[in-house]
C-alpha atoms as a PDB file:
ATOM      1  CA  MET A   1       4.242  -1.212  13.108  1.00  0.00           C
ATOM      2  CA  ALA A   2       6.785  -2.232  10.025  1.00  0.00           C
ATOM      3  CA  LEU A   3       7.395  -6.184   9.229  1.00  0.00           C
ATOM      4  CA  ARG A   4      10.951  -6.912   9.585  1.00  0.00           C
ATOM      5  CA  ILE A   5      13.258  -9.767   8.662  1.00  0.00           C
ATOM      6  CA  ASN A   6      12.922 -12.487  11.256  1.00  0.00           C
ATOM      7  CA  ASP A   7       9.661 -11.330  12.879  1.00  0.00           C
ATOM      8  CA  THR A   8       6.681 -13.948  13.111  1.00  0.00           C
ATOM      9  CA  VAL A   9       4.279 -12.950  10.363  1.00  0.00           C
ATOM     10  CA  PRO A  10       0.784 -12.169  11.360  1.00  0.00           C
ATOM     11  CA  ASP A  11      -1.393 -15.044  11.494  1.00  0.00           C
ATOM     12  CA  PHE A  12      -4.865 -14.510  10.275  1.00  0.00           C
ATOM     13  CA  THR A  13      -7.832 -16.181   8.943  1.00  0.00           C
ATOM     14  CA  ALA A  14      -9.232 -15.137   5.435  1.00  0.00           C
ATOM     15  CA  GLN A  15     -11.516 -16.276   2.761  1.00  0.00           C
ATOM     16  CA  THR A  16      -9.445 -17.653  -0.447  1.00  0.00           C
ATOM     17  CA  SER A  17     -10.291 -19.022  -3.887  1.00  0.00           C
ATOM     18  CA  GLN A  18      -9.837 -22.385  -2.413  1.00  0.00           C
ATOM     19  CA  GLY A  19     -12.001 -21.728   0.899  1.00  0.00           C
ATOM     20  CA  GLU A  20     -11.247 -20.438   4.221  1.00  0.00           C
ATOM     21  CA  ILE A  21      -7.944 -20.763   5.595  1.00  0.00           C
ATOM     22  CA  ARG A  22      -5.863 -20.055   9.023  1.00  0.00           C
ATOM     23  CA  PHE A  23      -2.432 -18.664   7.643  1.00  0.00           C
ATOM     24  CA  HIS A  24      -0.054 -20.441  10.051  1.00  0.00           C
ATOM     25  CA  ASP A  25      -1.909 -23.463   9.999  1.00  0.00           C
ATOM     26  CA  TRP A  26      -1.969 -23.193   5.898  1.00  0.00           C
ATOM     27  CA  ILE A  27       1.922 -22.925   6.097  1.00  0.00           C
ATOM     28  CA  GLY A  28       2.446 -26.014   8.414  1.00  0.00           C
ATOM     29  CA  ASP A  29       6.048 -27.198   7.812  1.00  0.00           C
ATOM     30  CA  SER A  30       6.687 -25.704   4.684  1.00  0.00           C
ATOM     31  CA  TRP A  31       8.172 -22.802   3.356  1.00  0.00           C
ATOM     32  CA  ALA A  32       5.924 -20.104   2.082  1.00  0.00           C
ATOM     33  CA  ILE A  33       5.249 -17.084  -0.477  1.00  0.00           C
ATOM     34  CA  LEU A  34       2.749 -14.646  -0.130  1.00  0.00           C
ATOM     35  CA  PHE A  35       2.693 -12.352  -3.095  1.00  0.00           C
ATOM     36  CA  SER A  36       0.307  -9.543  -3.085  1.00  0.00           C
ATOM     37  CA  HIS A  37      -1.602  -7.360  -5.908  1.00  0.00           C
ATOM     38  CA  PRO A  38      -3.558  -4.183  -5.952  1.00  0.00           C
ATOM     39  CA  LYS A  39      -6.665  -5.277  -7.951  1.00  0.00           C
ATOM     40  CA  ASP A  40      -7.950  -8.271 -10.018  1.00  0.00           C
ATOM     41  CA  PHE A  41      -7.928  -8.021 -13.877  1.00  0.00           C
ATOM     42  CA  THR A  42      -4.738  -6.160 -14.274  1.00  0.00           C
ATOM     43  CA  PRO A  43      -2.333  -6.737 -16.894  1.00  0.00           C
ATOM     44  CA  VAL A  44       0.920  -6.938 -15.083  1.00  0.00           C
ATOM     45  CA  CYS A  45      -0.455  -9.148 -12.197  1.00  0.00           C
ATOM     46  CA  THR A  46      -2.104 -11.388 -14.604  1.00  0.00           C
ATOM     47  CA  THR A  47       1.276 -12.164 -16.110  1.00  0.00           C
ATOM     48  CA  GLU A  48       2.627 -12.867 -12.629  1.00  0.00           C
ATOM     49  CA  PHE A  49       0.093 -15.176 -11.570  1.00  0.00           C
ATOM     50  CA  GLY A  50       0.484 -17.235 -14.550  1.00  0.00           C
ATOM     51  CA  ALA A  51       4.598 -17.186 -14.113  1.00  0.00           C
ATOM     52  CA  VAL A  52       3.945 -18.506 -10.543  1.00  0.00           C
ATOM     53  CA  ALA A  53       1.434 -21.089 -11.592  1.00  0.00           C
ATOM     54  CA  GLN A  54       4.174 -22.345 -14.219  1.00  0.00           C
ATOM     55  CA  LEU A  55       6.652 -22.918 -11.589  1.00  0.00           C
ATOM     56  CA  ALA A  56       4.084 -25.140  -9.755  1.00  0.00           C
ATOM     57  CA  ASP A  57       6.853 -28.301  -9.858  1.00  0.00           C
ATOM     58  CA  GLU A  58       9.693 -25.910  -8.638  1.00  0.00           C
ATOM     59  CA  TRP A  59       7.962 -24.824  -5.543  1.00  0.00           C
ATOM     60  CA  THR A  60       6.988 -28.416  -4.778  1.00  0.00           C
ATOM     61  CA  LYS A  61      10.594 -29.358  -5.068  1.00  0.00           C
ATOM     62  CA  ARG A  62      11.572 -26.855  -2.634  1.00  0.00           C
ATOM     63  CA  ASN A  63       8.612 -27.667  -0.177  1.00  0.00           C
ATOM     64  CA  THR A  64       7.235 -24.363  -0.694  1.00  0.00           C
ATOM     65  CA  LYS A  65       3.487 -23.137  -0.690  1.00  0.00           C
ATOM     66  CA  VAL A  66       2.538 -20.065  -2.796  1.00  0.00           C
ATOM     67  CA  ILE A  67      -0.199 -18.216  -2.037  1.00  0.00           C
ATOM     68  CA  GLY A  68      -1.594 -14.692  -3.662  1.00  0.00           C
ATOM     69  CA  VAL A  69      -3.487 -11.916  -2.231  1.00  0.00           C
ATOM     70  CA  SER A  70      -5.641  -9.357  -4.100  1.00  0.00           C
ATOM     71  CA  VAL A  71      -7.914  -6.691  -2.372  1.00  0.00           C
ATOM     72  CA  ASP A  72     -11.118  -8.035  -4.229  1.00  0.00           C
ATOM     73  CA  PRO A  73     -13.577 -10.383  -3.417  1.00  0.00           C
ATOM     74  CA  VAL A  74     -13.569 -14.654  -3.778  1.00  0.00           C
ATOM     75  CA  GLU A  75     -16.204 -14.235  -6.889  1.00  0.00           C
ATOM     76  CA  ASP A  76     -14.023 -11.831  -8.729  1.00  0.00           C
ATOM     77  CA  HIS A  77     -10.749 -14.105  -8.104  1.00  0.00           C
ATOM     78  CA  THR A  78     -12.607 -16.880  -9.594  1.00  0.00           C
ATOM     79  CA  ARG A  79     -13.205 -15.263 -12.866  1.00  0.00           C
ATOM     80  CA  TRP A  80      -9.903 -13.700 -12.948  1.00  0.00           C
ATOM     81  CA  ILE A  81      -8.401 -17.288 -12.422  1.00  0.00           C
ATOM     82  CA  GLU A  82      -9.942 -18.181 -16.087  1.00  0.00           C
ATOM     83  CA  ASP A  83      -8.218 -15.165 -17.457  1.00  0.00           C
ATOM     84  CA  ILE A  84      -4.822 -16.436 -15.915  1.00  0.00           C
ATOM     85  CA  GLN A  85      -4.998 -19.512 -17.109  1.00  0.00           C
ATOM     86  CA  THR A  86      -5.839 -18.556 -20.927  1.00  0.00           C
ATOM     87  CA  ALA A  87      -3.087 -15.955 -20.742  1.00  0.00           C
ATOM     88  CA  GLY A  88      -0.459 -18.359 -19.000  1.00  0.00           C
ATOM     89  CA  SER A  89      -1.574 -21.537 -20.451  1.00  0.00           C
ATOM     90  CA  CYS A  90      -1.380 -22.655 -17.192  1.00  0.00           C
ATOM     91  CA  ASN A  91      -3.348 -24.233 -14.387  1.00  0.00           C
ATOM     92  CA  VAL A  92      -3.765 -22.148 -11.040  1.00  0.00           C
ATOM     93  CA  GLY A  93      -3.343 -24.408  -8.468  1.00  0.00           C
ATOM     94  CA  PHE A  94      -2.743 -22.212  -5.766  1.00  0.00           C
ATOM     95  CA  PRO A  95      -5.142 -20.060  -3.682  1.00  0.00           C
ATOM     96  CA  ILE A  96      -5.657 -16.448  -3.949  1.00  0.00           C
ATOM     97  CA  ILE A  97      -6.515 -14.465  -0.533  1.00  0.00           C
ATOM     98  CA  ALA A  98      -9.943 -12.103  -1.021  1.00  0.00           C
ATOM     99  CA  ASP A  99      -8.505  -9.015   1.068  1.00  0.00           C
ATOM    100  CA  GLU A 100     -11.628  -6.800   0.741  1.00  0.00           C
ATOM    101  CA  GLY A 101     -11.500  -5.346   3.737  1.00  0.00           C
ATOM    102  CA  LEU A 102      -7.768  -4.817   3.764  1.00  0.00           C
ATOM    103  CA  GLU A 103      -6.650  -6.871   7.191  1.00  0.00           C
ATOM    104  CA  VAL A 104      -4.132  -8.696   5.507  1.00  0.00           C
ATOM    105  CA  SER A 105      -2.640  -5.792   3.359  1.00  0.00           C
ATOM    106  CA  LYS A 106      -2.434  -3.707   6.708  1.00  0.00           C
ATOM    107  CA  ALA A 107      -1.161  -6.435   8.814  1.00  0.00           C
ATOM    108  CA  PHE A 108       1.816  -7.064   6.579  1.00  0.00           C
ATOM    109  CA  ASP A 109       2.500  -3.063   6.269  1.00  0.00           C
ATOM    110  CA  MET A 110       1.555  -2.607   2.768  1.00  0.00           C
ATOM    111  CA  LEU A 111      -1.130   0.032   3.610  1.00  0.00           C
ATOM    112  CA  PRO A 112      -1.488   2.257   6.406  1.00  0.00           C
ATOM    113  CA  ALA A 113      -3.852   1.902   9.135  1.00  0.00           C
ATOM    114  CA  GLU A 114      -6.124   4.258   7.904  1.00  0.00           C
ATOM    115  CA  ALA A 115      -6.493   3.139   4.444  1.00  0.00           C
ATOM    116  CA  TYR A 116      -9.672   2.221   2.743  1.00  0.00           C
ATOM    117  CA  LEU A 117     -11.135   1.391  -0.770  1.00  0.00           C
ATOM    118  CA  PRO A 118     -13.064   4.153  -2.057  1.00  0.00           C
ATOM    119  CA  ASP A 119     -16.153   3.750  -4.432  1.00  0.00           C
ATOM    120  CA  GLY A 120     -14.962   3.497  -8.036  1.00  0.00           C
ATOM    121  CA  ARG A 121     -11.264   2.969  -6.957  1.00  0.00           C
ATOM    122  CA  THR A 122      -8.585   1.793  -9.354  1.00  0.00           C
ATOM    123  CA  PRO A 123      -5.530   0.132  -8.632  1.00  0.00           C
ATOM    124  CA  ALA A 124      -3.614   3.283  -7.886  1.00  0.00           C
ATOM    125  CA  ASP A 125      -5.646   3.381  -4.829  1.00  0.00           C
ATOM    126  CA  SER A 126      -4.008   0.098  -3.548  1.00  0.00           C
ATOM    127  CA  GLN A 127      -0.760   0.459  -5.411  1.00  0.00           C
ATOM    128  CA  THR A 128       1.396  -0.504  -2.610  1.00  0.00           C
ATOM    129  CA  VAL A 129      -0.151  -3.984  -2.298  1.00  0.00           C
ATOM    130  CA  ARG A 130       2.696  -5.357  -4.368  1.00  0.00           C
ATOM    131  CA  SER A 131       5.134  -7.178  -2.439  1.00  0.00           C
ATOM    132  CA  VAL A 132       6.707 -10.679  -2.062  1.00  0.00           C
ATOM    133  CA  PHE A 133       7.127 -12.270   1.245  1.00  0.00           C
ATOM    134  CA  ILE A 134       9.074 -15.461   1.642  1.00  0.00           C
ATOM    135  CA  ILE A 135       8.165 -17.256   4.946  1.00  0.00           C
ATOM    136  CA  GLY A 136      10.404 -20.035   6.721  1.00  0.00           C
ATOM    137  CA  PRO A 137       8.439 -23.054   8.477  1.00  0.00           C
ATOM    138  CA  ASP A 138       9.329 -21.277  11.770  1.00  0.00           C
ATOM    139  CA  LYS A 139       6.644 -18.589  10.340  1.00  0.00           C
ATOM    140  CA  LYS A 140       9.498 -15.780  10.472  1.00  0.00           C
ATOM    141  CA  LEU A 141       9.894 -13.531   7.575  1.00  0.00           C
ATOM    142  CA  LYS A 142      12.794 -14.362   5.738  1.00  0.00           C
ATOM    143  CA  LEU A 143      12.881 -12.282   2.646  1.00  0.00           C
ATOM    144  CA  SER A 144      10.473  -9.122   1.369  1.00  0.00           C
ATOM    145  CA  MET A 145      10.466  -7.214  -1.860  1.00  0.00           C
ATOM    146  CA  THR A 146       8.126  -4.646  -3.081  1.00  0.00           C
ATOM    147  CA  TYR A 147       7.616  -3.686  -6.678  1.00  0.00           C
ATOM    148  CA  PRO A 148       5.713  -0.846  -8.416  1.00  0.00           C
ATOM    149  CA  MET A 149       2.746  -1.568 -10.532  1.00  0.00           C
ATOM    150  CA  THR A 150       4.459  -0.770 -14.107  1.00  0.00           C
ATOM    151  CA  VAL A 151       7.548  -3.470 -13.218  1.00  0.00           C
ATOM    152  CA  GLY A 152       6.542  -7.283 -13.440  1.00  0.00           C
ATOM    153  CA  ARG A 153       8.172  -9.143 -10.705  1.00  0.00           C
ATOM    154  CA  ASN A 154      11.134 -11.638 -11.713  1.00  0.00           C
ATOM    155  CA  PHE A 155      10.191 -15.169 -10.289  1.00  0.00           C
ATOM    156  CA  ALA A 156      13.453 -16.577 -11.527  1.00  0.00           C
ATOM    157  CA  GLU A 157      15.180 -14.622  -8.956  1.00  0.00           C
ATOM    158  CA  ILE A 158      12.474 -15.503  -6.170  1.00  0.00           C
ATOM    159  CA  VAL A 159      13.553 -19.002  -6.960  1.00  0.00           C
ATOM    160  CA  ARG A 160      16.859 -17.972  -6.509  1.00  0.00           C
ATOM    161  CA  ALA A 161      16.634 -16.332  -3.484  1.00  0.00           C
ATOM    162  CA  LEU A 162      14.429 -19.223  -1.881  1.00  0.00           C
ATOM    163  CA  ASP A 163      17.318 -21.454  -2.703  1.00  0.00           C
ATOM    164  CA  ALA A 164      19.608 -19.049  -1.185  1.00  0.00           C
ATOM    165  CA  LEU A 165      17.890 -18.952   1.903  1.00  0.00           C
ATOM    166  CA  GLN A 166      16.954 -22.596   2.213  1.00  0.00           C
ATOM    167  CA  THR A 167      20.893 -23.373   1.604  1.00  0.00           C
ATOM    168  CA  SER A 168      21.942 -20.636   4.205  1.00  0.00           C
ATOM    169  CA  SER A 169      19.401 -21.736   6.705  1.00  0.00           C
ATOM    170  CA  GLY A 170      20.267 -25.341   6.286  1.00  0.00           C
ATOM    171  CA  GLN A 171      23.965 -25.272   5.894  1.00  0.00           C
ATOM    172  CA  GLY A 172      24.986 -22.355   8.067  1.00  0.00           C
ATOM    173  CA  VAL A 173      26.496 -20.454   5.175  1.00  0.00           C
ATOM    174  CA  ALA A 174      25.851 -17.237   3.375  1.00  0.00           C
ATOM    175  CA  THR A 175      25.853 -16.887  -0.285  1.00  0.00           C
ATOM    176  CA  PRO A 176      27.832 -14.075  -2.484  1.00  0.00           C
ATOM    177  CA  ALA A 177      26.344 -11.744  -5.116  1.00  0.00           C
ATOM    178  CA  ASP A 178      24.335 -13.707  -7.965  1.00  0.00           C
ATOM    179  CA  TRP A 179      24.851 -16.898  -6.282  1.00  0.00           C
ATOM    180  CA  GLN A 180      23.423 -19.880  -8.205  1.00  0.00           C
ATOM    181  CA  VAL A 181      22.730 -23.740  -6.612  1.00  0.00           C
ATOM    182  CA  GLY A 182      26.267 -25.496  -6.966  1.00  0.00           C
ATOM    183  CA  GLN A 183      28.181 -22.209  -6.925  1.00  0.00           C
ATOM    184  CA  ASP A 184      30.887 -21.747  -3.827  1.00  0.00           C
ATOM    185  CA  VAL A 185      29.376 -20.158  -0.557  1.00  0.00           C
ATOM    186  CA  ILE A 186      30.878 -18.099   2.028  1.00  0.00           C
ATOM    187  CA  ILE A 187      31.880 -19.305   5.106  1.00  0.00           C
ATOM    188  CA  PRO A 188      30.705 -17.047   8.074  1.00  0.00           C
ATOM    189  CA  THR A 189      33.145 -14.730   9.956  1.00  0.00           C
ATOM    190  CA  SER A 190      31.912 -16.192  13.317  1.00  0.00           C
ATOM    191  CA  VAL A 191      33.670 -19.697  12.369  1.00  0.00           C
ATOM    192  CA  SER A 192      37.349 -19.861  12.792  1.00  0.00           C
ATOM    193  CA  ASP A 193      39.782 -21.491  10.086  1.00  0.00           C
ATOM    194  CA  GLU A 194      40.100 -24.747  12.164  1.00  0.00           C
ATOM    195  CA  GLU A 195      36.643 -25.034  12.518  1.00  0.00           C
ATOM    196  CA  ALA A 196      36.109 -24.072   8.986  1.00  0.00           C
ATOM    197  CA  ARG A 197      38.336 -27.126   7.928  1.00  0.00           C
ATOM    198  CA  ALA A 198      36.431 -29.347  10.179  1.00  0.00           C
ATOM    199  CA  LYS A 199      33.026 -28.423   9.032  1.00  0.00           C
ATOM    200  CA  TYR A 200      33.295 -27.545   5.130  1.00  0.00           C
ATOM    201  CA  GLY A 201      36.857 -29.169   4.271  1.00  0.00           C
ATOM    202  CA  GLU A 202      39.187 -27.070   1.947  1.00  0.00           C
ATOM    203  CA  PHE A 203      38.249 -23.522   1.479  1.00  0.00           C
ATOM    204  CA  THR A 204      39.671 -20.364  -0.404  1.00  0.00           C
ATOM    205  CA  THR A 205      40.737 -17.335   1.650  1.00  0.00           C
ATOM    206  CA  VAL A 206      40.046 -14.251  -0.659  1.00  0.00           C
ATOM    207  CA  LEU A 207      40.259 -11.723   2.170  1.00  0.00           C
ATOM    208  CA  PRO A 208      40.615 -12.417   5.783  1.00  0.00           C
ATOM    209  CA  TYR A 209      36.730 -11.976   6.302  1.00  0.00           C
ATOM    210  CA  LEU A 210      35.778 -13.624   3.022  1.00  0.00           C
ATOM    211  CA  ARG A 211      36.307 -17.422   2.952  1.00  0.00           C
ATOM    212  CA  LYS A 212      34.391 -19.563  -0.208  1.00  0.00           C
ATOM    213  CA  THR A 213      33.747 -23.086  -0.034  1.00  0.00           C
ATOM    214  CA  LYS A 214      31.984 -25.799  -2.139  1.00  0.00           C
ATOM    215  CA  LEU A 215      29.225 -27.754  -0.355  1.00  0.00           C
ATOM    216  CA  PRO A 216      28.991 -31.301  -0.851  1.00  0.00           C
ATOM    217  CA  ALA A 217      26.719 -32.016  -4.189  1.00  0.00           C
END
């Protein structure tokens, strides 16, 4: 069954590069980003793990935990982390789930239920394990993105999307295309003009259904 926006994400117990976790307990009261990979020691994924590690301070500022998933054992993850740190000049401080049995990949609908890893497999056998899931403290899915193996993920966009999600959920607003922190936000159509003035102050009406305002700094 497909995992959709606002669904509660699967809970599971798994071994990681930092020991065993129970996923929902690991999230706790934080936001979480789970990002998946089809195999260890692959070039694009190595650069992605480095990019996530380099953003450690940004995740902390946003009360967000990050966790990787790859369909290889913990022993491989441990060796791969050394390569990631060498290539990215970074410290990998977050865990990587060992999804050898594909339980997590299947639970998050990245692989069909009948999928298995053949002997001598290549990354192509699990190429759809290339998704990013942003999860709220309520354990519900807020956003997902899936990439092909040949296209590295843009983690600046993932940070931007996380900012937008936290702003929209915390302030009761929406964000326009290409929105960045500090720019005008959109007042929901369910809010009347009178309610909008009381709640947000002055606003600009672009169209009857498109009203923009600036949030307090």
